[in-house]
Protein backbone atom coordinates (compact mmCIF):
# COMPACT_ATOMS: atom_id res chain seq x y z
CA MET A 1 115.80 89.28 116.70
CA ASP A 2 113.73 92.44 116.65
CA GLN A 3 109.99 92.09 116.24
CA MET A 4 108.64 93.25 112.89
CA THR A 5 106.87 96.60 112.93
CA GLU A 6 103.75 96.72 110.74
CA ILE A 7 102.66 100.04 109.29
CA ARG A 8 99.68 100.80 107.04
CA LEU A 9 99.80 103.85 104.80
CA ASN A 10 96.52 105.14 103.35
CA GLY A 11 96.94 106.61 99.88
CA ALA A 12 93.87 108.79 100.41
CA ARG A 13 95.86 110.77 102.99
CA MET A 14 98.41 111.80 100.34
CA SER A 15 96.61 114.68 98.65
CA ASP A 16 99.75 116.48 97.43
CA ARG A 17 103.53 116.12 97.72
CA GLU A 18 103.84 118.06 100.96
CA ALA A 19 100.95 116.20 102.62
CA ALA A 20 102.32 112.86 101.40
CA HIS A 21 105.78 113.42 102.86
CA GLU A 22 104.42 114.78 106.14
CA TYR A 23 102.09 111.77 106.47
CA ILE A 24 104.90 109.32 105.61
CA LYS A 25 107.28 111.05 108.06
CA ASN A 26 104.74 110.76 110.89
CA LYS A 27 103.58 107.20 110.15
CA LEU A 28 107.13 105.83 109.69
CA GLN A 29 108.52 107.95 112.54
CA LEU A 30 111.25 109.34 110.30
CA PRO A 31 113.84 111.68 111.83
CA ASP A 32 113.48 115.46 111.72
CA TYR A 33 116.30 115.67 109.15
CA TYR A 34 114.17 113.70 106.64
CA GLY A 35 114.39 115.74 103.44
CA ARG A 36 110.76 115.19 102.34
CA ASN A 37 111.68 114.02 98.87
CA LEU A 38 111.96 110.65 97.10
CA ASP A 39 115.75 110.41 97.37
CA ALA A 40 115.64 111.04 101.12
CA LEU A 41 112.82 108.51 101.52
CA TRP A 42 114.76 105.87 99.59
CA ASP A 43 117.90 106.54 101.62
CA LEU A 44 116.09 106.05 104.92
CA LEU A 45 114.03 103.03 103.84
CA SER A 46 116.88 101.20 102.14
CA THR A 47 119.25 101.53 105.11
CA ASP A 48 116.83 100.93 108.02
CA LEU A 49 117.84 97.62 109.62
CA SER A 50 114.77 97.28 111.84
CA PRO A 51 112.33 94.67 110.47
CA LYS A 52 109.39 96.50 108.97
CA LYS A 53 106.32 95.66 106.89
CA ILE A 54 104.64 98.57 105.13
CA THR A 55 101.24 98.01 103.55
CA ILE A 56 100.02 100.75 101.24
CA ILE A 57 96.25 100.83 100.91
CA ARG A 58 94.39 102.84 98.26
CA PRO A 59 97.48 103.33 96.05
CA GLU A 60 95.21 104.47 93.23
CA MET A 61 94.54 107.62 95.28
CA ILE A 62 98.27 108.37 95.37
CA ILE A 63 98.43 108.20 91.58
CA GLN A 64 95.17 110.14 91.20
CA ASN A 65 96.36 112.92 93.52
CA LEU A 66 100.06 113.04 92.60
CA GLY A 67 100.19 111.72 89.02
CA THR A 68 103.64 110.62 87.87
CA TYR A 69 105.11 111.72 91.21
CA GLY A 70 102.72 109.28 92.91
CA GLU A 71 103.92 106.47 90.63
CA ALA A 72 107.51 107.37 91.49
CA LEU A 73 106.61 107.38 95.19
CA LEU A 74 105.22 103.84 94.97
CA ASP A 75 108.30 102.77 92.98
CA THR A 76 110.51 104.22 95.73
CA PHE A 77 108.85 101.95 98.30
CA ARG A 78 109.17 98.91 95.99
CA GLU A 79 112.81 99.59 95.13
CA ALA A 80 113.78 100.19 98.77
CA ALA A 81 112.22 96.82 99.67
CA GLU A 82 114.25 95.12 96.93
CA GLU A 83 117.41 96.70 98.33
CA ASN A 84 116.69 96.12 102.03
CA GLU A 85 116.04 92.57 103.24
CA PHE A 86 114.53 93.95 106.47
CA LEU A 87 111.80 95.84 104.60
CA ASN A 88 108.66 94.22 103.18
CA VAL A 89 106.31 96.42 101.16
CA GLU A 90 102.84 95.36 100.06
CA ILE A 91 100.67 97.51 97.83
CA GLU A 92 96.99 96.62 97.91
CA LEU A 93 95.82 96.77 94.33
CA ASN A 94 92.06 96.30 94.49
CA THR A 95 89.22 94.32 95.99
CA ASN A 96 87.99 91.17 94.24
CA GLU A 97 84.34 90.14 93.80
CA LYS A 98 84.28 88.36 97.20
CA GLY A 99 85.44 91.51 99.00
CA ASP A 100 88.91 90.09 99.69
CA LYS A 101 91.67 92.64 99.25
CA MET A 102 94.41 91.80 96.79
CA ALA A 103 97.98 92.85 97.46
CA LYS A 104 101.19 92.70 95.52
CA ASN A 105 104.24 92.26 97.68
CA ASP A 106 107.72 93.48 96.89
CA ASN A 107 108.60 90.41 94.82
CA GLY A 108 105.53 90.77 92.60
CA VAL A 109 103.46 87.93 94.06
CA ASP A 110 99.75 88.52 94.45
CA ASN A 111 98.43 87.79 97.92
CA CYS A 112 94.82 87.57 99.03
CA LEU A 113 94.27 89.26 102.40
CA LYS A 114 91.02 87.88 103.81
CA GLY A 115 89.19 89.74 106.50
CA GLU A 116 91.41 92.80 106.43
């Protein structure tokens, strides 16, 4: 079985749609034909059979910078993970009072990520 690839995406790097898609393309090593839109992203994520874990940090910056498009972008990652058993997506929601980061994985379970 293939080893799982772990990728961290920083929401602060997604300042606008173009920057977001360029950053995602580079970090996920998407092919040159990637269409740089949500449909193309979903198509590639939902059909990629290589085991992959994507952690999105600072998702609030995506929503702050991109508004409803940022929400749709996060939904695209979640929905692709629901469709593709080889894809695990975690979205870090916030930091609790102890400094531990909280994450919500693709099945809606909160996880505490100590020391990350």
